[in-house]
Amino acid sequence: MYTALLVIDVLVAVSLVALILIQQGKGADVGAAFGSGASQTVFGSQGSASFLTRATAVLATLFFSISLALAYLSGQHIEKKSVTDIIAPATAPSTLLPKAPINGTPAQTPPAPADVPQ
């Protein structure tokens, strides 16, 4: 869920930047006042500005709400265990381990080899 929201947030951010760059500044309206053909545009004389403004507001709201959701989700503490915590350690064969004393008595050791005459 976190990854999907992160991807959507990046796509909305890129769309928001592109939409802002498409918009014309307020200084461009001066040219339209002298009859530069603004009424022949696809959205009408003021339709383009209001459509882009509304779309920008919708994308900005979506971006902020997704960012807040991501901040909330990242604050949740999820304990991930390491592979070494999950897998039990391998036990050594009993022949390699020294025998522990039982009830405080020392472990029995095999007798030392007899002296071999030469």
PDB file of N, CA and C in Angstrom:
ATOM      1  N   MET A   1       0.822  -1.186   0.000  1.00  0.00           N
ATOM      2  CA  MET A   1       0.000   0.000   0.000  1.00  0.00           C
ATOM      3  C   MET A   1       0.872   1.257   0.000  1.00  0.00           C
ATOM      4  N   TYR A   2       1.929   1.206   0.790  1.00  0.00           N
ATOM      5  CA  TYR A   2       2.822   2.369   0.876  1.00  0.00           C
ATOM      6  C   TYR A   2       3.475   2.640  -0.477  1.00  0.00           C
ATOM      7  N   THR A   3       3.914   1.583  -1.142  1.00  0.00           N
ATOM      8  CA  THR A   3       4.587   1.747  -2.432  1.00  0.00           C
ATOM      9  C   THR A   3       3.622   2.288  -3.483  1.00  0.00           C
ATOM     10  N   ALA A   4       2.386   1.796  -3.484  1.00  0.00           N
ATOM     11  CA  ALA A   4       1.400   2.277  -4.453  1.00  0.00           C
ATOM     12  C   ALA A   4       1.102   3.758  -4.230  1.00  0.00           C
ATOM     13  N   LEU A   5       0.951   4.156  -2.977  1.00  0.00           N
ATOM     14  CA  LEU A   5       0.711   5.574  -2.684  1.00  0.00           C
ATOM     15  C   LEU A   5       1.906   6.439  -3.069  1.00  0.00           C
ATOM     16  N   LEU A   6       3.094   5.899  -2.885  1.00  0.00           N
ATOM     17  CA  LEU A   6       4.292   6.651  -3.246  1.00  0.00           C
ATOM     18  C   LEU A   6       4.372   6.867  -4.758  1.00  0.00           C
ATOM     19  N   VAL A   7       4.044   5.851  -5.529  1.00  0.00           N
ATOM     20  CA  VAL A   7       4.054   5.973  -6.998  1.00  0.00           C
ATOM     21  C   VAL A   7       2.997   6.985  -7.445  1.00  0.00           C
ATOM     22  N   ILE A   8       1.796   6.884  -6.869  1.00  0.00           N
ATOM     23  CA  ILE A   8       0.731   7.830  -7.224  1.00  0.00           C
ATOM     24  C   ILE A   8       1.129   9.251  -6.848  1.00  0.00           C
ATOM     25  N   ASP A   9       1.782   9.424  -5.707  1.00  0.00           N
ATOM     26  CA  ASP A   9       2.210  10.752  -5.274  1.00  0.00           C
ATOM     27  C   ASP A   9       3.231  11.356  -6.238  1.00  0.00           C
ATOM     28  N   VAL A  10       4.152  10.547  -6.703  1.00  0.00           N
ATOM     29  CA  VAL A  10       5.147  11.047  -7.660  1.00  0.00           C
ATOM     30  C   VAL A  10       4.477  11.421  -8.981  1.00  0.00           C
ATOM     31  N   LEU A  11       3.538  10.584  -9.448  1.00  0.00           N
ATOM     32  CA  LEU A  11       2.842  10.902 -10.698  1.00  0.00           C
ATOM     33  C   LEU A  11       2.010  12.174 -10.575  1.00  0.00           C
ATOM     34  N   VAL A  12       1.349  12.361  -9.451  1.00  0.00           N
ATOM     35  CA  VAL A  12       0.565  13.579  -9.231  1.00  0.00           C
ATOM     36  C   VAL A  12       1.494  14.792  -9.158  1.00  0.00           C
ATOM     37  N   ALA A  13       2.651  14.641  -8.531  1.00  0.00           N
ATOM     38  CA  ALA A  13       3.598  15.760  -8.431  1.00  0.00           C
ATOM     39  C   ALA A  13       4.118  16.166  -9.807  1.00  0.00           C
ATOM     40  N   VAL A  14       4.444  15.176 -10.635  1.00  0.00           N
ATOM     41  CA  VAL A  14       4.937  15.484 -11.983  1.00  0.00           C
ATOM     42  C   VAL A  14       3.822  16.138 -12.807  1.00  0.00           C
ATOM     43  N   SER A  15       2.601  15.634 -12.678  1.00  0.00           N
ATOM     44  CA  SER A  15       1.463  16.225 -13.394  1.00  0.00           C
ATOM     45  C   SER A  15       1.211  17.652 -12.923  1.00  0.00           C
ATOM     46  N   LEU A  16       1.350  17.880 -11.645  1.00  0.00           N
ATOM     47  CA  LEU A  16       1.143  19.223 -11.097  1.00  0.00           C
ATOM     48  C   LEU A  16       2.181  20.210 -11.622  1.00  0.00           C
ATOM     49  N   VAL A  17       3.419  19.775 -11.680  1.00  0.00           N
ATOM     50  CA  VAL A  17       4.474  20.649 -12.218  1.00  0.00           C
ATOM     51  C   VAL A  17       4.215  20.955 -13.690  1.00  0.00           C
ATOM     52  N   ALA A  18       3.847  19.915 -14.465  1.00  0.00           N
ATOM     53  CA  ALA A  18       3.572  20.131 -15.888  1.00  0.00           C
ATOM     54  C   ALA A  18       2.376  21.065 -16.082  1.00  0.00           C
ATOM     55  N   LEU A  19       1.346  20.898 -15.292  1.00  0.00           N
ATOM     56  CA  LEU A  19       0.156  21.733 -15.413  1.00  0.00           C
ATOM     57  C   LEU A  19       0.456  23.184 -15.050  1.00  0.00           C
ATOM     58  N   ILE A  20       1.291  23.395 -14.067  1.00  0.00           N
ATOM     59  CA  ILE A  20       1.664  24.762 -13.690  1.00  0.00           C
ATOM     60  C   ILE A  20       2.496  25.415 -14.791  1.00  0.00           C
ATOM     61  N   LEU A  21       3.367  24.636 -15.408  1.00  0.00           N
ATOM     62  CA  LEU A  21       4.204  25.208 -16.471  1.00  0.00           C
ATOM     63  C   LEU A  21       3.404  25.508 -17.742  1.00  0.00           C
ATOM     64  N   ILE A  22       2.310  24.813 -17.951  1.00  0.00           N
ATOM     65  CA  ILE A  22       1.475  25.068 -19.128  1.00  0.00           C
ATOM     66  C   ILE A  22       0.742  26.400 -19.000  1.00  0.00           C
ATOM     67  N   GLN A  23       0.387  26.790 -17.796  1.00  0.00           N
ATOM     68  CA  GLN A  23      -0.424  27.993 -17.591  1.00  0.00           C
ATOM     69  C   GLN A  23       0.340  29.252 -17.989  1.00  0.00           C
ATOM     70  N   GLN A  24      -0.426  30.198 -18.497  1.00  0.00           N
ATOM     71  CA  GLN A  24       0.163  31.478 -18.878  1.00  0.00           C
ATOM     72  C   GLN A  24       0.113  32.426 -17.692  1.00  0.00           C
ATOM     73  N   GLY A  25       1.065  33.314 -17.650  1.00  0.00           N
ATOM     74  CA  GLY A  25       1.090  34.304 -16.578  1.00  0.00           C
ATOM     75  C   GLY A  25       0.028  35.369 -16.779  1.00  0.00           C
ATOM     76  N   LYS A  26      -0.153  36.223 -15.783  1.00  0.00           N
ATOM     77  CA  LYS A  26      -1.142  37.299 -15.868  1.00  0.00           C
ATOM     78  C   LYS A  26      -0.749  38.359 -16.889  1.00  0.00           C
ATOM     79  N   GLY A  27       0.509  38.456 -17.231  1.00  0.00           N
ATOM     80  CA  GLY A  27       0.959  39.432 -18.216  1.00  0.00           C
ATOM     81  C   GLY A  27       0.519  39.093 -19.625  1.00  0.00           C
ATOM     82  N   ALA A  28       0.145  37.853 -19.884  1.00  0.00           N
ATOM     83  CA  ALA A  28      -0.287  37.454 -21.215  1.00  0.00           C
ATOM     84  C   ALA A  28      -1.688  37.966 -21.521  1.00  0.00           C
ATOM     85  N   ASP A  29      -2.453  38.365 -20.514  1.00  0.00           N
ATOM     86  CA  ASP A  29      -3.810  38.860 -20.735  1.00  0.00           C
ATOM     87  C   ASP A  29      -3.820  40.210 -21.434  1.00  0.00           C
ATOM     88  N   VAL A  30      -2.746  40.952 -21.356  1.00  0.00           N
ATOM     89  CA  VAL A  30      -2.684  42.265 -21.995  1.00  0.00           C
ATOM     90  C   VAL A  30      -2.766  42.101 -23.503  1.00  0.00           C
ATOM     91  N   GLY A  31      -2.136  41.087 -24.054  1.00  0.00           N
ATOM     92  CA  GLY A  31      -2.197  40.850 -25.494  1.00  0.00           C
ATOM     93  C   GLY A  31      -3.587  40.443 -25.933  1.00  0.00           C
ATOM     94  N   ALA A  32      -4.301  39.724 -25.090  1.00  0.00           N
ATOM     95  CA  ALA A  32      -5.658  39.303 -25.424  1.00  0.00           C
ATOM     96  C   ALA A  32      -6.618  40.490 -25.430  1.00  0.00           C
ATOM     97  N   ALA A  33      -6.312  41.525 -24.688  1.00  0.00           N
ATOM     98  CA  ALA A  33      -7.186  42.695 -24.630  1.00  0.00           C
ATOM     99  C   ALA A  33      -7.231  43.434 -25.957  1.00  0.00           C
ATOM    100  N   PHE A  34      -6.195  43.301 -26.762  1.00  0.00           N
ATOM    101  CA  PHE A  34      -6.143  43.996 -28.048  1.00  0.00           C
ATOM    102  C   PHE A  34      -6.594  43.116 -29.203  1.00  0.00           C
ATOM    103  N   GLY A  35      -7.325  42.053 -28.900  1.00  0.00           N
ATOM    104  CA  GLY A  35      -7.919  41.240 -29.963  1.00  0.00           C
ATOM    105  C   GLY A  35      -6.957  40.273 -30.598  1.00  0.00           C
ATOM    106  N   SER A  36      -6.256  39.505 -29.818  1.00  0.00           N
ATOM    107  CA  SER A  36      -5.304  38.559 -30.403  1.00  0.00           C
ATOM    108  C   SER A  36      -5.944  37.202 -30.697  1.00  0.00           C
ATOM    109  N   GLY A  37      -7.254  37.109 -30.694  1.00  0.00           N
ATOM    110  CA  GLY A  37      -7.926  35.874 -31.061  1.00  0.00           C
ATOM    111  C   GLY A  37      -8.116  34.915 -29.918  1.00  0.00           C
ATOM    112  N   ALA A  38      -8.251  35.382 -28.705  1.00  0.00           N
ATOM    113  CA  ALA A  38      -8.407  34.500 -27.556  1.00  0.00           C
ATOM    114  C   ALA A  38      -9.769  33.827 -27.549  1.00  0.00           C
ATOM    115  N   SER A  39     -10.755  34.403 -28.227  1.00  0.00           N
ATOM    116  CA  SER A  39     -12.092  33.810 -28.222  1.00  0.00           C
ATOM    117  C   SER A  39     -12.168  32.584 -29.117  1.00  0.00           C
ATOM    118  N   GLN A  40     -11.175  32.322 -29.917  1.00  0.00           N
ATOM    119  CA  GLN A  40     -11.187  31.178 -30.832  1.00  0.00           C
ATOM    120  C   GLN A  40     -10.434  29.980 -30.262  1.00  0.00           C
ATOM    121  N   THR A  41     -10.080  30.004 -29.011  1.00  0.00           N
ATOM    122  CA  THR A  41      -9.377  28.881 -28.400  1.00  0.00           C
ATOM    123  C   THR A  41     -10.350  27.750 -28.103  1.00  0.00           C
ATOM    124  N   VAL A  42      -9.853  26.611 -27.732  1.00  0.00           N
ATOM    125  CA  VAL A  42     -10.670  25.434 -27.474  1.00  0.00           C
ATOM    126  C   VAL A  42     -11.596  25.658 -26.288  1.00  0.00           C
ATOM    127  N   PHE A  43     -11.115  26.278 -25.245  1.00  0.00           N
ATOM    128  CA  PHE A  43     -11.899  26.452 -24.017  1.00  0.00           C
ATOM    129  C   PHE A  43     -12.688  27.763 -23.996  1.00  0.00           C
ATOM    130  N   GLY A  44     -12.598  28.581 -24.999  1.00  0.00           N
ATOM    131  CA  GLY A  44     -13.264  29.883 -24.990  1.00  0.00           C
ATOM    132  C   GLY A  44     -12.304  30.947 -24.508  1.00  0.00           C
ATOM    133  N   SER A  45     -12.803  32.148 -24.320  1.00  0.00           N
ATOM    134  CA  SER A  45     -11.916  33.253 -23.960  1.00  0.00           C
ATOM    135  C   SER A  45     -11.394  33.114 -22.534  1.00  0.00           C
ATOM    136  N   GLN A  46     -12.195  32.648 -21.580  1.00  0.00           N
ATOM    137  CA  GLN A  46     -11.745  32.471 -20.203  1.00  0.00           C
ATOM    138  C   GLN A  46     -11.763  31.013 -19.770  1.00  0.00           C
ATOM    139  N   GLY A  47     -12.237  30.131 -20.604  1.00  0.00           N
ATOM    140  CA  GLY A  47     -12.371  28.727 -20.235  1.00  0.00           C
ATOM    141  C   GLY A  47     -11.049  28.059 -19.942  1.00  0.00           C
ATOM    142  N   SER A  48     -10.016  28.389 -20.678  1.00  0.00           N
ATOM    143  CA  SER A  48      -8.717  27.767 -20.486  1.00  0.00           C
ATOM    144  C   SER A  48      -8.138  28.110 -19.122  1.00  0.00           C
ATOM    145  N   ALA A  49      -8.228  29.343 -18.747  1.00  0.00           N
ATOM    146  CA  ALA A  49      -7.659  29.771 -17.465  1.00  0.00           C
ATOM    147  C   ALA A  49      -8.408  29.126 -16.301  1.00  0.00           C
ATOM    148  N   SER A  50      -9.729  29.100 -16.364  1.00  0.00           N
ATOM    149  CA  SER A  50     -10.472  28.529 -15.246  1.00  0.00           C
ATOM    150  C   SER A  50     -10.306  27.012 -15.193  1.00  0.00           C
ATOM    151  N   PHE A  51     -10.253  26.355 -16.352  1.00  0.00           N
ATOM    152  CA  PHE A  51     -10.047  24.899 -16.369  1.00  0.00           C
ATOM    153  C   PHE A  51      -8.683  24.537 -15.792  1.00  0.00           C
ATOM    154  N   LEU A  52      -7.637  25.239 -16.215  1.00  0.00           N
ATOM    155  CA  LEU A  52      -6.298  24.948 -15.709  1.00  0.00           C
ATOM    156  C   LEU A  52      -6.182  25.279 -14.225  1.00  0.00           C
ATOM    157  N   THR A  53      -6.860  26.334 -13.792  1.00  0.00           N
ATOM    158  CA  THR A  53      -6.838  26.699 -12.377  1.00  0.00           C
ATOM    159  C   THR A  53      -7.536  25.644 -11.533  1.00  0.00           C
ATOM    160  N   ARG A  54      -8.685  25.163 -12.004  1.00  0.00           N
ATOM    161  CA  ARG A  54      -9.396  24.115 -11.267  1.00  0.00           C
ATOM    162  C   ARG A  54      -8.607  22.816 -11.240  1.00  0.00           C
ATOM    163  N   ALA A  55      -8.036  22.460 -12.377  1.00  0.00           N
ATOM    164  CA  ALA A  55      -7.245  21.220 -12.432  1.00  0.00           C
ATOM    165  C   ALA A  55      -6.030  21.318 -11.511  1.00  0.00           C
ATOM    166  N   THR A  56      -5.415  22.499 -11.454  1.00  0.00           N
ATOM    167  CA  THR A  56      -4.275  22.692 -10.555  1.00  0.00           C
ATOM    168  C   THR A  56      -4.705  22.565  -9.096  1.00  0.00           C
ATOM    169  N   ALA A  57      -5.847  23.129  -8.761  1.00  0.00           N
ATOM    170  CA  ALA A  57      -6.346  23.046  -7.382  1.00  0.00           C
ATOM    171  C   ALA A  57      -6.665  21.599  -7.005  1.00  0.00           C
ATOM    172  N   VAL A  58      -7.255  20.850  -7.929  1.00  0.00           N
ATOM    173  CA  VAL A  58      -7.583  19.446  -7.651  1.00  0.00           C
ATOM    174  C   VAL A  58      -6.310  18.627  -7.468  1.00  0.00           C
ATOM    175  N   LEU A  59      -5.342  18.803  -8.350  1.00  0.00           N
ATOM    176  CA  LEU A  59      -4.084  18.054  -8.236  1.00  0.00           C
ATOM    177  C   LEU A  59      -3.311  18.454  -6.981  1.00  0.00           C
ATOM    178  N   ALA A  60      -3.341  19.722  -6.614  1.00  0.00           N
ATOM    179  CA  ALA A  60      -2.638  20.159  -5.402  1.00  0.00           C
ATOM    180  C   ALA A  60      -3.285  19.550  -4.157  1.00  0.00           C
ATOM    181  N   THR A  61      -4.618  19.514  -4.124  1.00  0.00           N
ATOM    182  CA  THR A  61      -5.314  18.905  -2.993  1.00  0.00           C
ATOM    183  C   THR A  61      -5.008  17.417  -2.909  1.00  0.00           C
ATOM    184  N   LEU A  62      -5.019  16.754  -4.050  1.00  0.00           N
ATOM    185  CA  LEU A  62      -4.696  15.323  -4.099  1.00  0.00           C
ATOM    186  C   LEU A  62      -3.257  15.071  -3.647  1.00  0.00           C
ATOM    187  N   PHE A  63      -2.340  15.921  -4.085  1.00  0.00           N
ATOM    188  CA  PHE A  63      -0.938  15.774  -3.701  1.00  0.00           C
ATOM    189  C   PHE A  63      -0.746  15.929  -2.192  1.00  0.00           C
ATOM    190  N   PHE A  64      -1.383  16.938  -1.611  1.00  0.00           N
ATOM    191  CA  PHE A  64      -1.243  17.163  -0.165  1.00  0.00           C
ATOM    192  C   PHE A  64      -1.874  16.042   0.644  1.00  0.00           C
ATOM    193  N   SER A  65      -3.040  15.558   0.216  1.00  0.00           N
ATOM    194  CA  SER A  65      -3.695  14.490   0.979  1.00  0.00           C
ATOM    195  C   SER A  65      -2.919  13.177   0.886  1.00  0.00           C
ATOM    196  N   ILE A  66      -2.369  12.872  -0.280  1.00  0.00           N
ATOM    197  CA  ILE A  66      -1.550  11.653  -0.408  1.00  0.00           C
ATOM    198  C   ILE A  66      -0.261  11.801   0.401  1.00  0.00           C
ATOM    199  N   SER A  67       0.315  12.991   0.396  1.00  0.00           N
ATOM    200  CA  SER A  67       1.537  13.209   1.179  1.00  0.00           C
ATOM    201  C   SER A  67       1.282  13.054   2.671  1.00  0.00           C
ATOM    202  N   LEU A  68       0.138  13.522   3.145  1.00  0.00           N
ATOM    203  CA  LEU A  68      -0.215  13.346   4.552  1.00  0.00           C
ATOM    204  C   LEU A  68      -0.437  11.871   4.878  1.00  0.00           C
ATOM    205  N   ALA A  69      -1.074  11.144   3.965  1.00  0.00           N
ATOM    206  CA  ALA A  69      -1.273   9.705   4.181  1.00  0.00           C
ATOM    207  C   ALA A  69       0.066   8.967   4.225  1.00  0.00           C
ATOM    208  N   LEU A  70       0.982   9.353   3.355  1.00  0.00           N
ATOM    209  CA  LEU A  70       2.314   8.730   3.366  1.00  0.00           C
ATOM    210  C   LEU A  70       3.061   9.052   4.657  1.00  0.00           C
ATOM    211  N   ALA A  71       2.912  10.266   5.147  1.00  0.00           N
ATOM    212  CA  ALA A  71       3.565  10.628   6.406  1.00  0.00           C
ATOM    213  C   ALA A  71       2.997   9.821   7.561  1.00  0.00           C
ATOM    214  N   TYR A  72       1.688   9.599   7.557  1.00  0.00           N
ATOM    215  CA  TYR A  72       1.067   8.798   8.614  1.00  0.00           C
ATOM    216  C   TYR A  72       1.530   7.348   8.535  1.00  0.00           C
ATOM    217  N   LEU A  73       1.572   6.801   7.320  1.00  0.00           N
ATOM    218  CA  LEU A  73       1.981   5.404   7.159  1.00  0.00           C
ATOM    219  C   LEU A  73       3.451   5.192   7.497  1.00  0.00           C
ATOM    220  N   SER A  74       4.281   6.177   7.230  1.00  0.00           N
ATOM    221  CA  SER A  74       5.700   6.002   7.538  1.00  0.00           C
ATOM    222  C   SER A  74       5.947   6.088   9.042  1.00  0.00           C
ATOM    223  N   GLY A  75       5.035   6.701   9.769  1.00  0.00           N
ATOM    224  CA  GLY A  75       5.172   6.801  11.213  1.00  0.00           C
ATOM    225  C   GLY A  75       4.792   5.523  11.936  1.00  0.00           C
ATOM    226  N   GLN A  76       4.080   4.634  11.253  1.00  0.00           N
ATOM    227  CA  GLN A  76       3.706   3.361  11.857  1.00  0.00           C
ATOM    228  C   GLN A  76       4.957   2.506  12.005  1.00  0.00           C
ATOM    229  N   HIS A  77       5.137   1.925  13.186  1.00  0.00           N
ATOM    230  CA  HIS A  77       6.334   1.127  13.448  1.00  0.00           C
ATOM    231  C   HIS A  77       6.060  -0.327  13.092  1.00  0.00           C
ATOM    232  N   ILE A  78       6.698  -0.793  12.053  1.00  0.00           N
ATOM    233  CA  ILE A  78       6.571  -2.185  11.643  1.00  0.00           C
ATOM    234  C   ILE A  78       7.905  -2.851  11.936  1.00  0.00           C
ATOM    235  N   GLU A  79       7.882  -3.837  12.804  1.00  0.00           N
ATOM    236  CA  GLU A  79       9.114  -4.508  13.185  1.00  0.00           C
ATOM    237  C   GLU A  79       9.419  -5.605  12.182  1.00  0.00           C
ATOM    238  N   LYS A  80      10.489  -5.423  11.470  1.00  0.00           N
ATOM    239  CA  LYS A  80      10.911  -6.429  10.511  1.00  0.00           C
ATOM    240  C   LYS A  80      12.024  -7.240  11.144  1.00  0.00           C
ATOM    241  N   LYS A  81      11.890  -8.525  11.053  1.00  0.00           N
ATOM    242  CA  LYS A  81      12.914  -9.383  11.640  1.00  0.00           C
ATOM    243  C   LYS A  81      13.980  -9.692  10.599  1.00  0.00           C
ATOM    244  N   SER A  82      15.156  -9.858  11.087  1.00  0.00           N
ATOM    245  CA  SER A  82      16.265 -10.225  10.234  1.00  0.00           C
ATOM    246  C   SER A  82      16.204 -11.711   9.937  1.00  0.00           C
ATOM    247  N   VAL A  83      16.831 -12.108   8.866  1.00  0.00           N
ATOM    248  CA  VAL A  83      16.864 -13.521   8.519  1.00  0.00           C
ATOM    249  C   VAL A  83      17.571 -14.321   9.611  1.00  0.00           C
ATOM    250  N   THR A  84      18.550 -13.719  10.238  1.00  0.00           N
ATOM    251  CA  THR A  84      19.266 -14.439  11.289  1.00  0.00           C
ATOM    252  C   THR A  84      18.406 -14.620  12.533  1.00  0.00           C
ATOM    253  N   ASP A  85      17.401 -13.761  12.731  1.00  0.00           N
ATOM    254  CA  ASP A  85      16.498 -13.942  13.857  1.00  0.00           C
ATOM    255  C   ASP A  85      15.463 -15.028  13.590  1.00  0.00           C
ATOM    256  N   ILE A  86      15.091 -15.190  12.341  1.00  0.00           N
ATOM    257  CA  ILE A  86      14.050 -16.142  11.989  1.00  0.00           C
ATOM    258  C   ILE A  86      14.593 -17.566  11.959  1.00  0.00           C
ATOM    259  N   ILE A  87      15.750 -17.762  11.373  1.00  0.00           N
ATOM    260  CA  ILE A  87      16.330 -19.100  11.241  1.00  0.00           C
ATOM    261  C   ILE A  87      17.042 -19.463  12.536  1.00  0.00           C
ATOM    262  N   ALA A  88      16.746 -20.656  13.045  1.00  0.00           N
ATOM    263  CA  ALA A  88      17.396 -21.113  14.278  1.00  0.00           C
ATOM    264  C   ALA A  88      18.850 -21.453  13.971  1.00  0.00           C
ATOM    265  N   PRO A  89      19.751 -21.180  14.896  1.00  0.00           N
ATOM    266  CA  PRO A  89      21.157 -21.511  14.642  1.00  0.00           C
ATOM    267  C   PRO A  89      21.337 -23.023  14.571  1.00  0.00           C
ATOM    268  N   ALA A  90      22.238 -23.432  13.719  1.00  0.00           N
ATOM    269  CA  ALA A  90      22.513 -24.866  13.547  1.00  0.00           C
ATOM    270  C   ALA A  90      23.214 -25.400  14.792  1.00  0.00           C
ATOM    271  N   THR A  91      22.844 -26.595  15.190  1.00  0.00           N
ATOM    272  CA  THR A  91      23.480 -27.204  16.362  1.00  0.00           C
ATOM    273  C   THR A  91      24.668 -28.033  15.904  1.00  0.00           C
ATOM    274  N   ALA A  92      25.686 -28.025  16.705  1.00  0.00           N
ATOM    275  CA  ALA A  92      26.895 -28.783  16.382  1.00  0.00           C
ATOM    276  C   ALA A  92      26.674 -30.251  16.771  1.00  0.00           C
ATOM    277  N   PRO A  93      27.328 -31.152  16.090  1.00  0.00           N
ATOM    278  CA  PRO A  93      27.209 -32.565  16.474  1.00  0.00           C
ATOM    279  C   PRO A  93      27.699 -32.778  17.897  1.00  0.00           C
ATOM    280  N   SER A  94      27.082 -33.739  18.582  1.00  0.00           N
ATOM    281  CA  SER A  94      27.406 -33.941  19.994  1.00  0.00           C
ATOM    282  C   SER A  94      28.820 -34.469  20.201  1.00  0.00           C
ATOM    283  N   THR A  95      29.429 -35.030  19.178  1.00  0.00           N
ATOM    284  CA  THR A  95      30.793 -35.539  19.350  1.00  0.00           C
ATOM    285  C   THR A  95      31.802 -34.418  19.455  1.00  0.00           C
ATOM    286  N   LEU A  96      31.464 -33.258  18.944  1.00  0.00           N
ATOM    287  CA  LEU A  96      32.409 -32.147  18.990  1.00  0.00           C
ATOM    288  C   LEU A  96      32.286 -31.341  20.280  1.00  0.00           C
ATOM    289  N   LEU A  97      31.141 -31.468  20.943  1.00  0.00           N
ATOM    290  CA  LEU A  97      30.935 -30.694  22.156  1.00  0.00           C
ATOM    291  C   LEU A  97      31.501 -31.432  23.359  1.00  0.00           C
ATOM    292  N   PRO A  98      32.154 -30.741  24.288  1.00  0.00           N
ATOM    293  CA  PRO A  98      32.635 -31.412  25.505  1.00  0.00           C
ATOM    294  C   PRO A  98      31.456 -31.768  26.386  1.00  0.00           C
ATOM    295  N   LYS A  99      31.585 -32.854  27.095  1.00  0.00           N
ATOM    296  CA  LYS A  99      30.500 -33.280  27.971  1.00  0.00           C
ATOM    297  C   LYS A  99      30.521 -32.433  29.231  1.00  0.00           C
ATOM    298  N   ALA A 100      29.365 -31.949  29.588  1.00  0.00           N
ATOM    299  CA  ALA A 100      29.240 -31.102  30.772  1.00  0.00           C
ATOM    300  C   ALA A 100      29.195 -31.979  32.016  1.00  0.00           C
ATOM    301  N   PRO A 101      29.730 -31.496  33.127  1.00  0.00           N
ATOM    302  CA  PRO A 101      29.672 -32.280  34.363  1.00  0.00           C
ATOM    303  C   PRO A 101      28.233 -32.413  34.852  1.00  0.00           C
ATOM    304  N   ILE A 102      27.931 -33.561  35.412  1.00  0.00           N
ATOM    305  CA  ILE A 102      26.586 -33.815  35.932  1.00  0.00           C
ATOM    306  C   ILE A 102      26.649 -33.697  37.447  1.00  0.00           C
ATOM    307  N   ASN A 103      25.796 -32.895  37.992  1.00  0.00           N
ATOM    308  CA  ASN A 103      25.689 -32.678  39.434  1.00  0.00           C
ATOM    309  C   ASN A 103      27.026 -32.284  40.070  1.00  0.00           C
ATOM    310  N   GLY A 104      27.792 -31.511  39.408  1.00  0.00           N
ATOM    311  CA  GLY A 104      29.030 -31.019  39.984  1.00  0.00           C
ATOM    312  C   GLY A 104      30.202 -31.972  39.890  1.00  0.00           C
ATOM    313  N   THR A 105      30.013 -33.166  39.370  1.00  0.00           N
ATOM    314  CA  THR A 105      31.144 -34.093  39.242  1.00  0.00           C
ATOM    315  C   THR A 105      31.843 -33.823  37.929  1.00  0.00           C
ATOM    316  N   PRO A 106      33.147 -33.940  37.901  1.00  0.00           N
ATOM    317  CA  PRO A 106      33.845 -33.671  36.646  1.00  0.00           C
ATOM    318  C   PRO A 106      33.511 -34.750  35.607  1.00  0.00           C
ATOM    319  N   ALA A 107      33.609 -34.349  34.367  1.00  0.00           N
ATOM    320  CA  ALA A 107      33.310 -35.270  33.281  1.00  0.00           C
ATOM    321  C   ALA A 107      34.384 -36.357  33.222  1.00  0.00           C
ATOM    322  N   GLN A 108      33.958 -37.526  32.844  1.00  0.00           N
ATOM    323  CA  GLN A 108      34.916 -38.631  32.726  1.00  0.00           C
ATOM    324  C   GLN A 108      35.695 -38.463  31.434  1.00  0.00           C
ATOM    325  N   THR A 109      36.972 -38.603  31.535  1.00  0.00           N
ATOM    326  CA  THR A 109      37.827 -38.497  30.371  1.00  0.00           C
ATOM    327  C   THR A 109      38.376 -39.887  30.062  1.00  0.00           C
ATOM    328  N   PRO A 110      38.596 -40.178  28.823  1.00  0.00           N
ATOM    329  CA  PRO A 110      39.161 -41.489  28.484  1.00  0.00           C
ATOM    330  C   PRO A 110      40.557 -41.611  29.052  1.00  0.00           C
ATOM    331  N   PRO A 111      40.974 -42.837  29.375  1.00  0.00           N
ATOM    332  CA  PRO A 111      42.313 -43.019  29.943  1.00  0.00           C
ATOM    333  C   PRO A 111      43.378 -42.651  28.933  1.00  0.00           C
ATOM    334  N   ALA A 112      44.512 -42.219  29.469  1.00  0.00           N
ATOM    335  CA  ALA A 112      45.621 -41.840  28.589  1.00  0.00           C
ATOM    336  C   ALA A 112      46.184 -43.100  27.951  1.00  0.00           C
ATOM    337  N   PRO A 113      46.683 -42.995  26.739  1.00  0.00           N
ATOM    338  CA  PRO A 113      47.269 -44.175  26.102  1.00  0.00           C
ATOM    339  C   PRO A 113      48.479 -44.679  26.873  1.00  0.00           C
ATOM    340  N   ALA A 114      48.603 -45.992  26.925  1.00  0.00           N
ATOM    341  CA  ALA A 114      49.729 -46.609  27.636  1.00  0.00           C
ATOM    342  C   ALA A 114      51.018 -46.344  26.889  1.00  0.00           C
ATOM    343  N   ASP A 115      52.071 -46.278  27.659  1.00  0.00           N
ATOM    344  CA  ASP A 115      53.374 -46.067  27.025  1.00  0.00           C
ATOM    345  C   ASP A 115      53.701 -47.270  26.149  1.00  0.00           C
ATOM    346  N   VAL A 116      54.061 -46.969  24.980  1.00  0.00           N
ATOM    347  CA  VAL A 116      54.401 -48.043  24.031  1.00  0.00           C
ATOM    348  C   VAL A 116      55.914 -48.253  24.093  1.00  0.00           C
ATOM    349  N   PRO A 117      56.369 -49.516  24.356  1.00  0.00           N
ATOM    350  CA  PRO A 117      57.828 -49.750  24.399  1.00  0.00           C
ATOM    351  C   PRO A 117      58.427 -49.611  22.999  1.00  0.00           C
ATOM    352  N   GLN A 118      59.639 -49.134  22.967  1.00  0.00           N
ATOM    353  CA  GLN A 118      60.280 -48.942  21.676  1.00  0.00           C
ATOM    354  C   GLN A 118      61.377 -49.916  21.436  1.00  0.00           C
TER     355      GLN A 118
END
